[in-house]
Amino acid sequence: MLVEQAAESFELWRGARPSSRHSRPQLGQDRVWWWRDHNPAATAFMQARLEQLHARDREAKLRHSWVPYDRIAVSLKRAVVVAEDAKFSDHEGFDWEAIEKAREKNRRKGKIVAGGSTISQQLAKNLFLSGERSAWRKGQEALITVMIEHVMDKRRILEIYLNVIEWGEGVFGAEAAARHYYGVGASALGVEQSARLAAMVPNPRFYDRNRNTAFLARRAQTILARMPQTELP
């Protein structure tokens, strides 16, 4: 139902364009167009995390450095797609099978333990939304996801995603993550390093503090085994 409402809202939005491609946009719909061609310096999620860090340390800063798509190791791209959205190249923003599986898993557990969100949905949340879980927030996420898929190609979506997702305490993006964990740039990551970073994505701050758990090691090995068959945009 929420996705249908999002689609209706999108039909009203799709004719809109930024008033100027040379001035910074103020509206959410304009920002999607803006970010098609401009790299976001920060996201709503990054700003929320920075506020949390400032509550403990007013001098705290995020570690984040943008790198273009071609300077991110192919192995990391493959690993993240395997881990987070195996059908990324094929769907139009939503993986209905994954959503249904997550819904069934949550029903069995009696609580939310899985989301089934695609890379596009996660990007929508990171760019614009807080981390709250509610029907209203999921509706907003669905609308923004449709906008992103309409405006950006898959390569651009993956480029932004890899540059803005959280990878540790105050660590955002592939470049900062590669340097934080391995002391190399994002372009120099090996396949095993990439698989391990991808395995951390669902709970990055926990794995920043607990880097040698058995579950993380098993998850990384599963990702590693599936990487060669993974298509990239």
C-alpha atoms as a PDB file:
ATOM      1  CA  MET A   1       0.000   0.000   0.000  1.00  0.00           C
ATOM      2  CA  LEU A   2       2.780   2.414   0.905  1.00  0.00           C
ATOM      3  CA  VAL A   3       4.555   1.757  -2.369  1.00  0.00           C
ATOM      4  CA  GLU A   4       1.344   2.393  -4.333  1.00  0.00           C
ATOM      5  CA  GLN A   5       0.971   5.724  -2.527  1.00  0.00           C
ATOM      6  CA  ALA A   6       4.579   6.503  -3.304  1.00  0.00           C
ATOM      7  CA  ALA A   7       4.002   5.747  -6.976  1.00  0.00           C
ATOM      8  CA  GLU A   8       1.015   8.106  -7.076  1.00  0.00           C
ATOM      9  CA  SER A   9       3.069  10.863  -5.470  1.00  0.00           C
ATOM     10  CA  PHE A  10       5.865  10.165  -7.912  1.00  0.00           C
ATOM     11  CA  GLU A  11       3.551  10.769 -10.882  1.00  0.00           C
ATOM     12  CA  LEU A  12       2.931  14.261  -9.510  1.00  0.00           C
ATOM     13  CA  TRP A  13       6.648  14.776  -8.931  1.00  0.00           C
ATOM     14  CA  ARG A  14       8.169  13.346 -12.113  1.00  0.00           C
ATOM     15  CA  GLY A  15       7.571  16.484 -14.139  1.00  0.00           C
ATOM     16  CA  ALA A  16       9.375  18.622 -11.579  1.00  0.00           C
ATOM     17  CA  ARG A  17      12.951  19.742 -12.213  1.00  0.00           C
ATOM     18  CA  PRO A  18      15.332  21.880 -10.197  1.00  0.00           C
ATOM     19  CA  SER A  19      14.825  25.553 -10.900  1.00  0.00           C
ATOM     20  CA  SER A  20      18.527  25.832 -11.667  1.00  0.00           C
ATOM     21  CA  ARG A  21      21.226  23.220 -12.161  1.00  0.00           C
ATOM     22  CA  HIS A  22      23.807  25.757 -10.982  1.00  0.00           C
ATOM     23  CA  SER A  23      22.362  26.623  -7.575  1.00  0.00           C
ATOM     24  CA  ARG A  24      22.065  24.338  -4.572  1.00  0.00           C
ATOM     25  CA  PRO A  25      18.572  22.807  -4.308  1.00  0.00           C
ATOM     26  CA  GLN A  26      16.384  23.367  -1.280  1.00  0.00           C
ATOM     27  CA  LEU A  27      13.631  20.782  -1.786  1.00  0.00           C
ATOM     28  CA  GLY A  28      14.009  17.020  -1.381  1.00  0.00           C
ATOM     29  CA  GLN A  29      12.828  16.367  -4.935  1.00  0.00           C
ATOM     30  CA  ASP A  30      15.382  18.817  -6.292  1.00  0.00           C
ATOM     31  CA  ARG A  31      18.178  17.204  -4.310  1.00  0.00           C
ATOM     32  CA  VAL A  32      17.664  13.897  -6.084  1.00  0.00           C
ATOM     33  CA  TRP A  33      18.258  15.654  -9.410  1.00  0.00           C
ATOM     34  CA  TRP A  34      21.178  17.601  -7.950  1.00  0.00           C
ATOM     35  CA  TRP A  35      22.890  14.465  -6.634  1.00  0.00           C
ATOM     36  CA  ARG A  36      22.689  12.820 -10.022  1.00  0.00           C
ATOM     37  CA  ASP A  37      25.526  15.141 -11.076  1.00  0.00           C
ATOM     38  CA  HIS A  38      26.954  16.394  -7.753  1.00  0.00           C
ATOM     39  CA  ASN A  39      28.472  14.436  -4.890  1.00  0.00           C
ATOM     40  CA  PRO A  40      26.752  14.855  -1.502  1.00  0.00           C
ATOM     41  CA  ALA A  41      29.147  16.254   1.086  1.00  0.00           C
ATOM     42  CA  ALA A  42      27.025  14.744   3.860  1.00  0.00           C
ATOM     43  CA  THR A  43      23.711  12.968   4.362  1.00  0.00           C
ATOM     44  CA  ALA A  44      20.893  13.201   6.896  1.00  0.00           C
ATOM     45  CA  PHE A  45      22.130   9.981   8.476  1.00  0.00           C
ATOM     46  CA  MET A  46      25.715  11.266   8.720  1.00  0.00           C
ATOM     47  CA  GLN A  47      24.498  14.462  10.363  1.00  0.00           C
ATOM     48  CA  ALA A  48      22.454  12.467  12.881  1.00  0.00           C
ATOM     49  CA  ARG A  49      25.481  10.353  13.775  1.00  0.00           C
ATOM     50  CA  LEU A  50      27.651  13.462  14.156  1.00  0.00           C
ATOM     51  CA  GLU A  51      25.148  14.927  16.609  1.00  0.00           C
ATOM     52  CA  GLN A  52      25.360  11.716  18.648  1.00  0.00           C
ATOM     53  CA  LEU A  53      29.154  11.911  18.674  1.00  0.00           C
ATOM     54  CA  HIS A  54      29.018  15.575  19.691  1.00  0.00           C
ATOM     55  CA  ALA A  55      26.895  14.650  22.701  1.00  0.00           C
ATOM     56  CA  ARG A  56      29.992  12.851  24.027  1.00  0.00           C
ATOM     57  CA  ASP A  57      32.725  14.935  22.447  1.00  0.00           C
ATOM     58  CA  ARG A  58      32.166  18.395  20.970  1.00  0.00           C
ATOM     59  CA  GLU A  59      35.375  18.052  18.962  1.00  0.00           C
ATOM     60  CA  ALA A  60      34.353  14.783  17.302  1.00  0.00           C
ATOM     61  CA  LYS A  61      34.464  14.610  13.522  1.00  0.00           C
ATOM     62  CA  LEU A  62      33.341  12.099  10.931  1.00  0.00           C
ATOM     63  CA  ARG A  63      35.900  10.293   8.801  1.00  0.00           C
ATOM     64  CA  HIS A  64      34.700  10.591   5.228  1.00  0.00           C
ATOM     65  CA  SER A  65      36.415  11.165   1.903  1.00  0.00           C
ATOM     66  CA  TRP A  66      34.661  10.916  -1.452  1.00  0.00           C
ATOM     67  CA  VAL A  67      36.201   8.747  -4.160  1.00  0.00           C
ATOM     68  CA  PRO A  68      34.812   8.265  -7.685  1.00  0.00           C
ATOM     69  CA  TYR A  69      33.368   4.942  -8.829  1.00  0.00           C
ATOM     70  CA  ASP A  70      36.502   3.943 -10.740  1.00  0.00           C
ATOM     71  CA  ARG A  71      38.665   4.393  -7.630  1.00  0.00           C
ATOM     72  CA  ILE A  72      36.692   1.872  -5.598  1.00  0.00           C
ATOM     73  CA  ALA A  73      37.947  -1.705  -5.876  1.00  0.00           C
ATOM     74  CA  VAL A  74      35.785  -3.912  -8.074  1.00  0.00           C
ATOM     75  CA  SER A  75      35.998  -6.516  -5.323  1.00  0.00           C
ATOM     76  CA  LEU A  76      34.295  -4.167  -2.850  1.00  0.00           C
ATOM     77  CA  LYS A  77      31.538  -3.334  -5.318  1.00  0.00           C
ATOM     78  CA  ARG A  78      30.886  -7.021  -5.898  1.00  0.00           C
ATOM     79  CA  ALA A  79      31.041  -7.860  -2.198  1.00  0.00           C
ATOM     80  CA  VAL A  80      28.561  -5.160  -1.190  1.00  0.00           C
ATOM     81  CA  VAL A  81      26.100  -6.114  -3.931  1.00  0.00           C
ATOM     82  CA  VAL A  82      26.326  -9.771  -2.841  1.00  0.00           C
ATOM     83  CA  ALA A  83      25.794  -8.859   0.799  1.00  0.00           C
ATOM     84  CA  GLU A  84      23.129  -6.182   0.494  1.00  0.00           C
ATOM     85  CA  ASP A  85      21.243  -6.543  -2.787  1.00  0.00           C
ATOM     86  CA  ALA A  86      21.981  -9.517  -5.053  1.00  0.00           C
ATOM     87  CA  LYS A  87      19.367  -8.397  -7.603  1.00  0.00           C
ATOM     88  CA  PHE A  88      20.589  -4.801  -7.689  1.00  0.00           C
ATOM     89  CA  SER A  89      21.245  -4.736 -11.438  1.00  0.00           C
ATOM     90  CA  ASP A  90      17.815  -6.191 -12.269  1.00  0.00           C
ATOM     91  CA  HIS A  91      15.189  -4.587 -10.029  1.00  0.00           C
ATOM     92  CA  GLU A  92      13.687  -1.098 -10.226  1.00  0.00           C
ATOM     93  CA  GLY A  93      14.231  -0.196  -6.604  1.00  0.00           C
ATOM     94  CA  PHE A  94      12.406  -2.956  -4.740  1.00  0.00           C
ATOM     95  CA  ASP A  95      13.149  -6.668  -4.339  1.00  0.00           C
ATOM     96  CA  TRP A  96       9.690  -8.017  -3.599  1.00  0.00           C
ATOM     97  CA  GLU A  97      10.914 -11.537  -2.877  1.00  0.00           C
ATOM     98  CA  ALA A  98      13.420 -10.259  -0.310  1.00  0.00           C
ATOM     99  CA  ILE A  99      10.774  -8.025   1.263  1.00  0.00           C
ATOM    100  CA  GLU A 100       8.385 -10.965   1.627  1.00  0.00           C
ATOM    101  CA  LYS A 101      11.106 -13.168   3.130  1.00  0.00           C
ATOM    102  CA  ALA A 102      11.987 -10.434   5.618  1.00  0.00           C
ATOM    103  CA  ARG A 103       8.328  -9.999   6.541  1.00  0.00           C
ATOM    104  CA  GLU A 104       7.970 -13.729   7.187  1.00  0.00           C
ATOM    105  CA  LYS A 105      11.180 -13.828   9.235  1.00  0.00           C
ATOM    106  CA  ASN A 106      10.009 -10.888  11.340  1.00  0.00           C
ATOM    107  CA  ARG A 107       6.651 -12.592  11.872  1.00  0.00           C
ATOM    108  CA  ARG A 108       8.340 -15.774  13.117  1.00  0.00           C
ATOM    109  CA  LYS A 109      10.663 -13.868  15.438  1.00  0.00           C
ATOM    110  CA  GLY A 110       7.926 -11.579  16.712  1.00  0.00           C
ATOM    111  CA  LYS A 111      10.073  -8.505  16.115  1.00  0.00           C
ATOM    112  CA  ILE A 112      11.897  -6.678  13.330  1.00  0.00           C
ATOM    113  CA  VAL A 113      15.108  -8.581  12.611  1.00  0.00           C
ATOM    114  CA  ALA A 114      15.264  -8.161   8.815  1.00  0.00           C
ATOM    115  CA  GLY A 115      14.259  -5.433   6.400  1.00  0.00           C
ATOM    116  CA  GLY A 116      14.747  -6.729   2.876  1.00  0.00           C
ATOM    117  CA  SER A 117      15.780  -3.248   1.743  1.00  0.00           C
ATOM    118  CA  THR A 118      17.610  -2.826  -1.549  1.00  0.00           C
ATOM    119  CA  ILE A 119      20.670  -0.649  -2.045  1.00  0.00           C
ATOM    120  CA  SER A 120      18.383   1.998  -3.565  1.00  0.00           C
ATOM    121  CA  GLN A 121      16.106   1.941  -0.512  1.00  0.00           C
ATOM    122  CA  GLN A 122      19.059   2.143   1.852  1.00  0.00           C
ATOM    123  CA  LEU A 123      20.441   5.081  -0.108  1.00  0.00           C
ATOM    124  CA  ALA A 124      17.088   6.871   0.148  1.00  0.00           C
ATOM    125  CA  LYS A 125      17.149   6.425   3.916  1.00  0.00           C
ATOM    126  CA  ASN A 126      20.760   7.553   4.242  1.00  0.00           C
ATOM    127  CA  LEU A 127      20.375  10.651   2.090  1.00  0.00           C
ATOM    128  CA  PHE A 128      17.158  12.010   3.536  1.00  0.00           C
ATOM    129  CA  LEU A 129      15.782  10.162   6.533  1.00  0.00           C
ATOM    130  CA  SER A 130      16.402   9.398  10.186  1.00  0.00           C
ATOM    131  CA  GLY A 131      16.911   5.884  11.498  1.00  0.00           C
ATOM    132  CA  GLU A 132      13.429   5.589  12.999  1.00  0.00           C
ATOM    133  CA  ARG A 133      11.261   2.616  12.052  1.00  0.00           C
ATOM    134  CA  SER A 134       7.659   3.488  11.301  1.00  0.00           C
ATOM    135  CA  ALA A 135       5.077   3.065   8.558  1.00  0.00           C
ATOM    136  CA  TRP A 136       5.351   6.767   7.718  1.00  0.00           C
ATOM    137  CA  ARG A 137       9.130   6.576   7.386  1.00  0.00           C
ATOM    138  CA  LYS A 138       8.865   3.493   5.148  1.00  0.00           C
ATOM    139  CA  GLY A 139       6.397   5.372   2.944  1.00  0.00           C
ATOM    140  CA  GLN A 140       8.816   8.276   2.593  1.00  0.00           C
ATOM    141  CA  GLU A 141      11.616   5.829   1.826  1.00  0.00           C
ATOM    142  CA  ALA A 142       9.542   4.191  -0.914  1.00  0.00           C
ATOM    143  CA  LEU A 143       8.805   7.512  -2.618  1.00  0.00           C
ATOM    144  CA  ILE A 144      12.435   8.633  -2.530  1.00  0.00           C
ATOM    145  CA  THR A 145      13.528   5.210  -3.815  1.00  0.00           C
ATOM    146  CA  VAL A 146      11.275   5.568  -6.855  1.00  0.00           C
ATOM    147  CA  MET A 147      12.692   9.049  -7.471  1.00  0.00           C
ATOM    148  CA  ILE A 148      16.280   7.824  -7.219  1.00  0.00           C
ATOM    149  CA  GLU A 149      15.696   4.937  -9.622  1.00  0.00           C
ATOM    150  CA  HIS A 150      14.011   7.282 -12.103  1.00  0.00           C
ATOM    151  CA  VAL A 151      16.719   9.946 -12.024  1.00  0.00           C
ATOM    152  CA  MET A 152      19.968   7.983 -11.569  1.00  0.00           C
ATOM    153  CA  ASP A 153      21.451   4.994 -13.340  1.00  0.00           C
ATOM    154  CA  LYS A 154      22.596   1.977 -11.322  1.00  0.00           C
ATOM    155  CA  ARG A 155      26.260   2.923 -11.502  1.00  0.00           C
ATOM    156  CA  ARG A 156      25.565   6.337  -9.951  1.00  0.00           C
ATOM    157  CA  ILE A 157      23.348   4.819  -7.259  1.00  0.00           C
ATOM    158  CA  LEU A 158      26.091   2.378  -6.287  1.00  0.00           C
ATOM    159  CA  GLU A 159      28.751   5.096  -6.396  1.00  0.00           C
ATOM    160  CA  ILE A 160      26.859   7.319  -3.957  1.00  0.00           C
ATOM    161  CA  TYR A 161      25.903   4.387  -1.737  1.00  0.00           C
ATOM    162  CA  LEU A 162      29.488   3.189  -1.369  1.00  0.00           C
ATOM    163  CA  ASN A 163      30.595   6.713  -0.502  1.00  0.00           C
ATOM    164  CA  VAL A 164      28.016   7.480   2.188  1.00  0.00           C
ATOM    165  CA  ILE A 165      27.175   4.291   4.073  1.00  0.00           C
ATOM    166  CA  GLU A 166      28.313   3.859   7.659  1.00  0.00           C
ATOM    167  CA  TRP A 167      31.270   1.527   8.224  1.00  0.00           C
ATOM    168  CA  GLY A 168      32.180   2.115  11.850  1.00  0.00           C
ATOM    169  CA  GLU A 169      32.079   4.645  14.691  1.00  0.00           C
ATOM    170  CA  GLY A 170      32.173   7.925  12.784  1.00  0.00           C
ATOM    171  CA  VAL A 171      33.437   6.136   9.655  1.00  0.00           C
ATOM    172  CA  PHE A 172      31.549   6.727   6.414  1.00  0.00           C
ATOM    173  CA  GLY A 173      32.239   5.614   2.877  1.00  0.00           C
ATOM    174  CA  ALA A 174      34.572   3.142   1.209  1.00  0.00           C
ATOM    175  CA  GLU A 175      37.705   5.301   1.333  1.00  0.00           C
ATOM    176  CA  ALA A 176      37.470   6.041   5.057  1.00  0.00           C
ATOM    177  CA  ALA A 177      36.599   2.399   5.784  1.00  0.00           C
ATOM    178  CA  ALA A 178      39.542   1.043   3.799  1.00  0.00           C
ATOM    179  CA  ARG A 179      41.946   3.355   5.616  1.00  0.00           C
ATOM    180  CA  HIS A 180      40.352   2.779   9.035  1.00  0.00           C
ATOM    181  CA  TYR A 181      40.498  -1.016   8.903  1.00  0.00           C
ATOM    182  CA  TYR A 182      43.348  -1.784   6.508  1.00  0.00           C
ATOM    183  CA  GLY A 183      45.438   1.358   6.066  1.00  0.00           C
ATOM    184  CA  VAL A 184      44.950   1.449   2.285  1.00  0.00           C
ATOM    185  CA  GLY A 185      42.785   3.396  -0.146  1.00  0.00           C
ATOM    186  CA  ALA A 186      39.498   2.008  -1.460  1.00  0.00           C
ATOM    187  CA  SER A 187      41.125   1.191  -4.799  1.00  0.00           C
ATOM    188  CA  ALA A 188      43.705  -1.093  -3.149  1.00  0.00           C
ATOM    189  CA  LEU A 189      41.348  -3.390  -1.231  1.00  0.00           C
ATOM    190  CA  GLY A 190      41.791  -7.130  -1.774  1.00  0.00           C
ATOM    191  CA  VAL A 191      38.952  -9.603  -2.218  1.00  0.00           C
ATOM    192  CA  GLU A 192      39.049 -10.916   1.356  1.00  0.00           C
ATOM    193  CA  GLN A 193      39.215  -7.407   2.792  1.00  0.00           C
ATOM    194  CA  SER A 194      36.275  -6.407   0.611  1.00  0.00           C
ATOM    195  CA  ALA A 195      34.206  -9.396   1.699  1.00  0.00           C
ATOM    196  CA  ARG A 196      34.851  -8.596   5.351  1.00  0.00           C
ATOM    197  CA  LEU A 197      33.906  -4.942   4.922  1.00  0.00           C
ATOM    198  CA  ALA A 198      30.690  -5.958   3.160  1.00  0.00           C
ATOM    199  CA  ALA A 199      29.852  -8.362   5.973  1.00  0.00           C
ATOM    200  CA  MET A 200      30.072  -5.460   8.436  1.00  0.00           C
ATOM    201  CA  VAL A 201      27.503  -3.234   6.701  1.00  0.00           C
ATOM    202  CA  PRO A 202      24.371  -4.355   8.621  1.00  0.00           C
ATOM    203  CA  ASN A 203      25.907  -3.471  12.016  1.00  0.00           C
ATOM    204  CA  PRO A 204      29.074  -1.464  11.395  1.00  0.00           C
ATOM    205  CA  ARG A 205      29.565   0.162  14.795  1.00  0.00           C
ATOM    206  CA  PHE A 206      29.272  -3.192  16.560  1.00  0.00           C
ATOM    207  CA  TYR A 207      31.785  -4.807  14.223  1.00  0.00           C
ATOM    208  CA  ASP A 208      34.108  -1.838  14.573  1.00  0.00           C
ATOM    209  CA  ARG A 209      34.361  -2.792  18.250  1.00  0.00           C
ATOM    210  CA  ASN A 210      34.140  -6.567  17.665  1.00  0.00           C
ATOM    211  CA  ARG A 211      36.150  -7.327  14.543  1.00  0.00           C
ATOM    212  CA  ASN A 212      36.862 -11.012  15.066  1.00  0.00           C
ATOM    213  CA  THR A 213      33.489 -12.632  15.740  1.00  0.00           C
ATOM    214  CA  ALA A 214      32.829 -16.091  14.325  1.00  0.00           C
ATOM    215  CA  PHE A 215      29.641 -14.876  12.650  1.00  0.00           C
ATOM    216  CA  LEU A 216      31.466 -12.067  10.847  1.00  0.00           C
ATOM    217  CA  ALA A 217      34.095 -14.512   9.591  1.00  0.00           C
ATOM    218  CA  ARG A 218      31.454 -16.958   8.318  1.00  0.00           C
ATOM    219  CA  ARG A 219      29.476 -14.193   6.669  1.00  0.00           C
ATOM    220  CA  ALA A 220      32.585 -12.877   4.934  1.00  0.00           C
ATOM    221  CA  GLN A 221      33.379 -16.348   3.579  1.00  0.00           C
ATOM    222  CA  THR A 222      29.844 -16.719   2.215  1.00  0.00           C
ATOM    223  CA  ILE A 223      30.118 -13.356   0.473  1.00  0.00           C
ATOM    224  CA  LEU A 224      33.554 -14.247  -0.887  1.00  0.00           C
ATOM    225  CA  ALA A 225      32.235 -17.457  -2.446  1.00  0.00           C
ATOM    226  CA  ARG A 226      29.437 -15.624  -4.271  1.00  0.00           C
ATOM    227  CA  MET A 227      31.428 -12.654  -5.551  1.00  0.00           C
ATOM    228  CA  PRO A 228      32.705 -14.122  -8.866  1.00  0.00           C
ATOM    229  CA  GLN A 229      29.160 -14.623 -10.193  1.00  0.00           C
ATOM    230  CA  THR A 230      27.936 -11.152  -9.265  1.00  0.00           C
ATOM    231  CA  GLU A 231      27.084  -8.661 -12.009  1.00  0.00           C
ATOM    232  CA  LEU A 232      27.908  -4.982 -11.626  1.00  0.00           C
ATOM    233  CA  PRO A 233      26.321  -2.011 -13.401  1.00  0.00           C
END
